[in-house]
N, C-alpha and C. Protein backbone atom coordinates (compact mmCIF):
# COMPACT_ATOMS: atom_id res chain seq x y z
N MET A 1 101.30 300.65 104.52
CA MET A 1 100.62 299.24 104.14
C MET A 1 101.57 298.17 103.09
N LEU A 2 102.59 297.99 103.07
CA LEU A 2 103.08 297.43 102.09
C LEU A 2 102.48 296.36 101.45
N LYS A 3 102.41 296.45 99.69
CA LYS A 3 101.65 295.38 98.74
C LYS A 3 102.32 295.18 98.79
N ARG A 4 102.66 293.66 98.37
CA ARG A 4 103.66 292.49 97.55
C ARG A 4 103.43 292.81 96.01
N GLY A 5 102.08 293.12 95.14
CA GLY A 5 102.49 293.52 94.02
C GLY A 5 102.67 294.84 93.70
N GLU A 6 103.56 296.00 94.21
CA GLU A 6 104.47 297.10 94.55
C GLU A 6 105.07 296.85 94.05
N LEU A 7 105.96 295.61 94.78
CA LEU A 7 107.93 294.61 94.66
C LEU A 7 107.91 294.92 93.16
N ASP A 8 108.31 295.53 92.25
CA ASP A 8 108.62 295.37 91.29
C ASP A 8 110.12 294.71 91.23
N ARG A 9 111.29 295.80 91.73
CA ARG A 9 112.63 295.76 91.53
C ARG A 9 113.29 294.75 91.71
N ARG A 10 114.75 294.36 91.41
CA ARG A 10 115.28 292.93 92.87
C ARG A 10 116.31 293.87 92.91
N ILE A 11 116.66 294.79 94.06
CA ILE A 11 117.69 294.89 94.49
C ILE A 11 118.42 293.96 95.43
N SER A 12 120.00 294.42 95.96
CA SER A 12 120.37 293.15 97.10
C SER A 12 121.07 294.39 97.74
N ILE A 13 121.12 294.64 99.23
CA ILE A 13 121.93 294.87 99.71
C ILE A 13 122.79 294.40 100.49
N GLU A 14 124.20 294.62 100.40
CA GLU A 14 125.15 294.77 100.72
C GLU A 14 125.94 295.63 101.63
N ARG A 15 126.63 295.01 103.01
CA ARG A 15 127.69 295.52 104.02
C ARG A 15 128.85 295.57 103.81
N ARG A 16 129.87 296.72 104.18
CA ARG A 16 130.87 296.13 104.09
C ARG A 16 131.81 296.02 104.71
N THR A 17 132.55 294.98 104.70
CA THR A 17 133.77 294.17 105.07
C THR A 17 134.95 293.87 104.62
N ASP A 18 136.12 294.69 105.66
CA ASP A 18 137.33 294.80 105.39
C ASP A 18 138.11 293.90 105.11
N VAL A 19 138.95 293.25 104.76
CA VAL A 19 140.05 292.08 104.34
C VAL A 19 141.44 292.81 105.03
N ARG A 20 142.26 291.59 104.96
CA ARG A 20 143.43 292.28 104.85
C ARG A 20 144.26 291.41 104.51
N ASP A 21 145.19 292.84 103.68
CA ASP A 21 145.56 291.95 102.03
C ASP A 21 147.67 291.28 102.91
N GLU A 22 148.36 290.91 102.36
CA GLU A 22 149.80 290.60 102.44
C GLU A 22 150.45 291.76 103.86
N ASN A 23 150.12 292.82 103.22
CA ASN A 23 151.06 293.46 104.26
C ASN A 23 150.02 294.12 105.75
N GLY A 24 148.13 293.84 105.57
CA GLY A 24 148.27 294.55 106.64
C GLY A 24 147.14 295.23 106.38
N GLN A 25 146.95 295.74 105.43
CA GLN A 25 146.26 297.03 104.94
C GLN A 25 145.20 296.57 104.57
N PRO A 26 144.01 296.90 105.51
CA PRO A 26 142.85 296.84 105.10
C PRO A 26 141.45 297.16 103.12
N ILE A 27 141.35 296.30 102.21
CA ILE A 27 141.27 295.33 101.35
C ILE A 27 139.49 295.75 101.57
N PRO A 28 138.85 297.43 101.66
CA PRO A 28 137.30 297.18 101.49
C PRO A 28 136.45 296.43 99.95
N THR A 29 135.46 295.13 100.85
CA THR A 29 134.70 294.21 100.26
C THR A 29 133.11 294.65 100.10
N TRP A 30 132.23 293.72 99.67
CA TRP A 30 130.81 294.56 100.13
C TRP A 30 130.78 292.97 100.02
N THR A 31 129.69 292.82 100.72
CA THR A 31 128.84 290.98 100.59
C THR A 31 127.04 291.51 101.19
N ARG A 32 127.03 290.68 100.03
CA ARG A 32 125.84 290.88 100.44
C ARG A 32 124.65 289.97 101.08
N ILE A 33 123.77 291.06 101.86
CA ILE A 33 122.98 290.12 103.44
C ILE A 33 121.74 289.44 102.63
N GLY A 34 121.90 288.43 102.56
CA GLY A 34 120.54 287.64 102.38
C GLY A 34 120.80 287.30 101.75
N ARG A 35 120.31 287.31 100.46
CA ARG A 35 119.31 286.98 99.33
C ARG A 35 119.06 288.50 97.95
N ALA A 36 119.12 288.41 97.19
CA ALA A 36 118.64 289.20 96.17
C ALA A 36 116.87 289.20 96.63
N ARG A 37 116.07 290.44 96.96
CA ARG A 37 114.68 290.61 96.92
C ARG A 37 114.31 291.38 96.41
N TRP A 38 112.87 291.66 96.44
CA TRP A 38 111.85 292.26 95.72
C TRP A 38 111.78 293.98 96.49
N ALA A 39 111.84 295.03 95.13
CA ALA A 39 111.52 296.16 96.47
C ALA A 39 111.03 296.99 95.72
N SER A 40 110.38 298.03 95.99
CA SER A 40 109.38 299.08 95.66
C SER A 40 110.55 300.49 94.94
N LYS A 41 110.25 300.79 93.72
CA LYS A 41 111.97 302.43 93.99
C LYS A 41 110.60 302.98 94.04
N PHE A 42 111.09 304.40 94.54
CA PHE A 42 110.35 306.23 94.44
C PHE A 42 111.17 307.20 94.32
N ALA A 43 110.87 307.50 92.91
CA ALA A 43 111.78 308.44 93.10
C ALA A 43 111.98 310.17 94.55
N VAL A 44 112.49 310.58 94.46
CA VAL A 44 112.50 311.01 95.59
C VAL A 44 112.88 312.72 94.85
N SER A 45 114.34 312.71 94.49
CA SER A 45 114.69 314.18 93.80
C SER A 45 116.28 314.06 93.43
N GLY A 46 116.32 315.01 92.90
CA GLY A 46 117.45 315.27 91.58
C GLY A 46 118.51 316.16 92.11
N THR A 47 119.41 316.29 91.83
CA THR A 47 120.33 317.75 91.09
C THR A 47 121.02 317.57 90.61
N GLU A 48 121.77 318.38 90.03
CA GLU A 48 122.72 318.45 89.34
C GLU A 48 123.54 320.15 89.70
N ARG A 49 125.91 319.56 90.15
CA ARG A 49 126.40 321.23 90.10
C ARG A 49 127.62 321.00 89.46
N PHE A 50 128.37 321.89 89.71
CA PHE A 50 129.55 321.26 89.01
C PHE A 50 130.50 322.33 89.50
N ILE A 51 131.95 320.91 90.10
CA ILE A 51 131.89 321.37 91.07
C ILE A 51 133.70 319.79 90.13
N SER A 52 134.20 320.40 91.29
CA SER A 52 135.96 320.22 90.07
C SER A 52 136.17 320.39 89.10
N ASP A 53 135.43 321.62 88.10
CA ASP A 53 135.86 320.75 86.94
C ASP A 53 134.81 319.48 86.14
N GLN A 54 133.58 319.71 86.70
CA GLN A 54 132.87 318.25 86.44
C GLN A 54 131.76 318.69 86.84
N PHE A 55 131.00 318.40 86.09
CA PHE A 55 129.15 317.86 86.50
C PHE A 55 129.16 316.70 87.35
N VAL A 56 128.06 316.96 88.35
CA VAL A 56 128.20 315.40 89.32
C VAL A 56 126.52 315.62 90.15
N GLY A 57 125.72 314.92 89.25
CA GLY A 57 125.01 314.82 89.71
C GLY A 57 124.11 314.08 90.93
N ARG A 58 122.90 313.83 91.94
CA ARG A 58 122.89 313.19 93.05
C ARG A 58 121.29 312.61 92.36
N GLU A 59 121.55 311.83 92.39
CA GLU A 59 120.01 311.51 92.77
C GLU A 59 119.58 310.46 94.59
N GLN A 60 118.26 310.74 94.80
CA GLN A 60 118.09 310.23 95.67
C GLN A 60 116.26 309.64 95.41
N ASP A 61 116.93 308.41 96.40
CA ASP A 61 115.03 307.63 95.67
C ASP A 61 115.01 306.18 97.32
N GLU A 62 113.94 306.92 97.11
CA GLU A 62 113.17 305.44 98.56
C GLU A 62 112.56 303.84 97.99
N PHE A 63 113.12 303.27 98.34
CA PHE A 63 112.76 302.02 98.31
C PHE A 63 111.84 301.11 99.06
N HIS A 64 111.80 300.43 98.97
CA HIS A 64 110.71 299.77 99.95
C HIS A 64 110.57 297.84 100.35
N VAL A 65 111.01 296.93 100.92
CA VAL A 65 111.45 296.48 101.27
C VAL A 65 110.51 295.58 102.60
N GLY A 66 110.16 294.34 102.27
CA GLY A 66 109.56 293.51 103.09
C GLY A 66 110.42 293.24 104.38
N TRP A 67 110.07 293.58 105.18
CA TRP A 67 111.48 293.43 106.96
C TRP A 67 112.27 291.46 106.54
N THR A 68 112.55 291.82 106.99
CA THR A 68 113.10 289.91 107.38
C THR A 68 113.81 290.20 108.91
N THR A 69 114.49 289.05 109.34
CA THR A 69 114.82 289.36 110.18
C THR A 69 117.12 289.60 110.05
N ASP A 70 116.97 289.32 108.66
CA ASP A 70 118.56 289.84 107.62
C ASP A 70 118.68 291.55 107.83
N LEU A 71 117.86 291.50 107.32
CA LEU A 71 117.31 292.79 106.88
C LEU A 71 117.45 294.82 108.90
N ALA A 72 117.01 293.19 109.53
CA ALA A 72 116.84 293.52 110.66
C ALA A 72 117.77 294.92 111.30
N ASP A 73 118.92 295.16 110.85
CA ASP A 73 120.11 296.07 111.21
C ASP A 73 121.04 296.88 110.25
N VAL A 74 120.17 296.88 109.17
CA VAL A 74 120.59 296.95 107.90
C VAL A 74 120.70 298.70 108.52
N SER A 75 121.47 299.54 108.02
CA SER A 75 121.62 301.00 108.50
C SER A 75 122.74 301.61 107.25
N PRO A 76 122.79 302.93 107.77
CA PRO A 76 123.75 303.89 106.18
C PRO A 76 124.91 303.24 106.85
N LEU A 77 126.15 302.51 107.07
CA LEU A 77 126.57 302.21 106.42
C LEU A 77 126.34 300.61 105.43
N ASP A 78 125.87 299.85 105.45
CA ASP A 78 125.45 299.54 103.86
C ASP A 78 124.65 300.19 102.68
N ARG A 79 124.63 299.62 101.53
CA ARG A 79 124.51 299.49 100.27
C ARG A 79 123.87 299.20 99.43
N ILE A 80 122.99 299.70 98.81
CA ILE A 80 121.82 299.12 97.95
C ILE A 80 122.01 298.44 96.38
N VAL A 81 122.38 297.55 95.54
CA VAL A 81 122.93 298.17 94.51
C VAL A 81 121.65 297.59 93.20
N TYR A 82 120.94 297.81 92.16
CA TYR A 82 120.39 298.14 91.74
C TYR A 82 120.22 298.02 90.07
N PRO A 83 120.46 297.81 89.40
CA PRO A 83 119.11 296.55 89.31
C PRO A 83 120.47 295.06 89.54
N VAL A 84 120.25 294.46 90.11
CA VAL A 84 120.80 293.03 90.68
C VAL A 84 120.45 291.96 88.99
N THR A 85 121.68 292.66 87.97
CA THR A 85 122.09 291.79 87.29
C THR A 85 122.87 290.87 86.95
N LEU A 86 123.38 290.02 85.80
CA LEU A 86 124.13 289.39 86.08
C LEU A 86 125.61 289.61 85.74
N THR A 87 124.70 290.96 84.96
CA THR A 87 126.44 291.89 84.43
C THR A 87 127.11 293.15 85.40
N PRO A 88 127.82 292.80 86.49
CA PRO A 88 128.32 293.94 87.04
C PRO A 88 127.99 295.10 87.02
N THR A 89 128.34 295.73 85.69
CA THR A 89 128.94 297.09 85.42
C THR A 89 127.66 297.81 85.15
N ASP A 90 125.67 297.12 85.13
CA ASP A 90 125.00 297.23 84.92
C ASP A 90 124.34 298.25 86.24
N ASN A 91 124.89 297.84 86.87
CA ASN A 91 124.44 297.76 88.21
C ASN A 91 124.49 299.08 88.84
N GLU A 92 123.57 300.11 89.44
CA GLU A 92 123.76 301.02 90.26
C GLU A 92 124.03 301.04 92.25
N ILE A 93 124.88 301.65 92.55
CA ILE A 93 125.33 301.82 94.16
C ILE A 93 124.59 303.23 94.11
N PHE A 94 123.30 302.53 95.64
CA PHE A 94 122.64 303.71 96.06
C PHE A 94 123.22 303.54 97.44
N ASP A 95 123.67 304.55 98.28
CA ASP A 95 124.20 304.75 99.68
C ASP A 95 123.31 304.83 100.53
N ILE A 96 123.34 304.33 101.47
CA ILE A 96 122.13 304.21 102.23
C ILE A 96 122.39 305.56 102.96
N MET A 97 120.89 306.30 102.91
CA MET A 97 121.06 307.90 103.69
C MET A 97 120.20 307.41 105.11
N ALA A 98 119.07 306.61 105.34
CA ALA A 98 118.74 306.50 106.25
C ALA A 98 117.32 305.34 105.80
N VAL A 99 117.35 304.86 107.39
CA VAL A 99 116.08 302.68 107.38
C VAL A 99 115.39 303.05 108.23
N HIS A 100 113.73 303.57 107.81
CA HIS A 100 113.07 303.57 108.89
C HIS A 100 112.09 301.91 109.18
N GLU A 101 111.69 301.15 109.59
CA GLU A 101 110.94 300.93 109.56
C GLU A 101 108.71 300.96 108.94
N MET A 102 108.24 300.15 108.70
CA MET A 102 107.41 300.65 108.27
C MET A 102 106.57 300.00 109.39
N GLY A 103 105.85 300.36 109.72
CA GLY A 103 104.31 298.97 110.79
C GLY A 103 105.52 298.51 111.12
N TRP A 104 104.99 297.39 111.89
CA TRP A 104 105.79 296.05 113.00
C TRP A 104 106.43 295.31 112.03
N ARG A 105 106.96 295.89 111.11
CA ARG A 105 108.13 294.06 110.78
C ARG A 105 107.05 294.10 110.28
N GLU A 106 106.73 295.06 109.50
CA GLU A 106 105.59 294.33 108.10
C GLU A 106 106.83 295.29 107.03
N GLY A 107 107.72 295.91 106.56
CA GLY A 107 108.26 296.97 105.93
C GLY A 107 109.74 297.43 106.04
N LEU A 108 110.25 297.97 105.36
CA LEU A 108 111.42 298.63 105.59
C LEU A 108 111.51 299.72 104.29
N ARG A 109 112.12 301.61 104.96
CA ARG A 109 111.71 301.93 104.22
C ARG A 109 113.41 301.91 104.07
N ILE A 110 113.60 302.61 102.46
CA ILE A 110 115.23 302.66 102.99
C ILE A 110 115.19 304.02 101.41
N LEU A 111 116.14 305.12 102.33
CA LEU A 111 116.33 306.19 101.73
C LEU A 111 117.40 306.46 101.43
N ALA A 112 117.57 306.38 99.64
CA ALA A 112 119.14 306.24 99.49
C ALA A 112 119.34 306.96 98.96
N ALA A 113 120.64 307.27 98.02
CA ALA A 113 121.44 307.97 97.30
C ALA A 113 122.52 307.73 96.09
N ARG A 114 121.89 307.92 94.52
CA ARG A 114 123.35 307.73 93.55
C ARG A 114 123.86 308.79 93.57
N ARG A 115 125.35 308.88 93.35
CA ARG A 115 126.53 309.59 92.75
C ARG A 115 126.38 309.48 91.23
N ALA A 116 126.66 310.55 90.92
CA ALA A 116 127.47 310.25 88.63
C ALA A 116 128.05 310.49 88.72
N GLU A 117 128.77 310.54 88.37
CA GLU A 117 129.52 311.73 87.35
C GLU A 117 130.00 312.20 86.26
N THR A 118 130.12 313.11 85.46
CA THR A 118 129.90 313.06 83.47
C THR A 118 130.87 314.07 83.53
């Protein structure tokens, strides 16, 4: 059961849409789905590897959010922006890997990964 008191992080979920430039080339843009919302965040795993002369870290987390109609079709084509701040450079981008419904329209469990190159 999803407990509202456990939703202590602010996130946005975004969907990619392509707009065309003057030459007809697609330019990917990200649009927020609905409003920023409260979520819980749980660490799942983390790895670090040396690839192409650099260290690449990968963090997997699980986010829990309340179910709403605007999130009913969230999928791995979307992404999570965490935390939602006024300064976009402070935000971390998580690629959604899987979405599972918790209960009957009670909440969503979203497995997401963030890649960091150092």
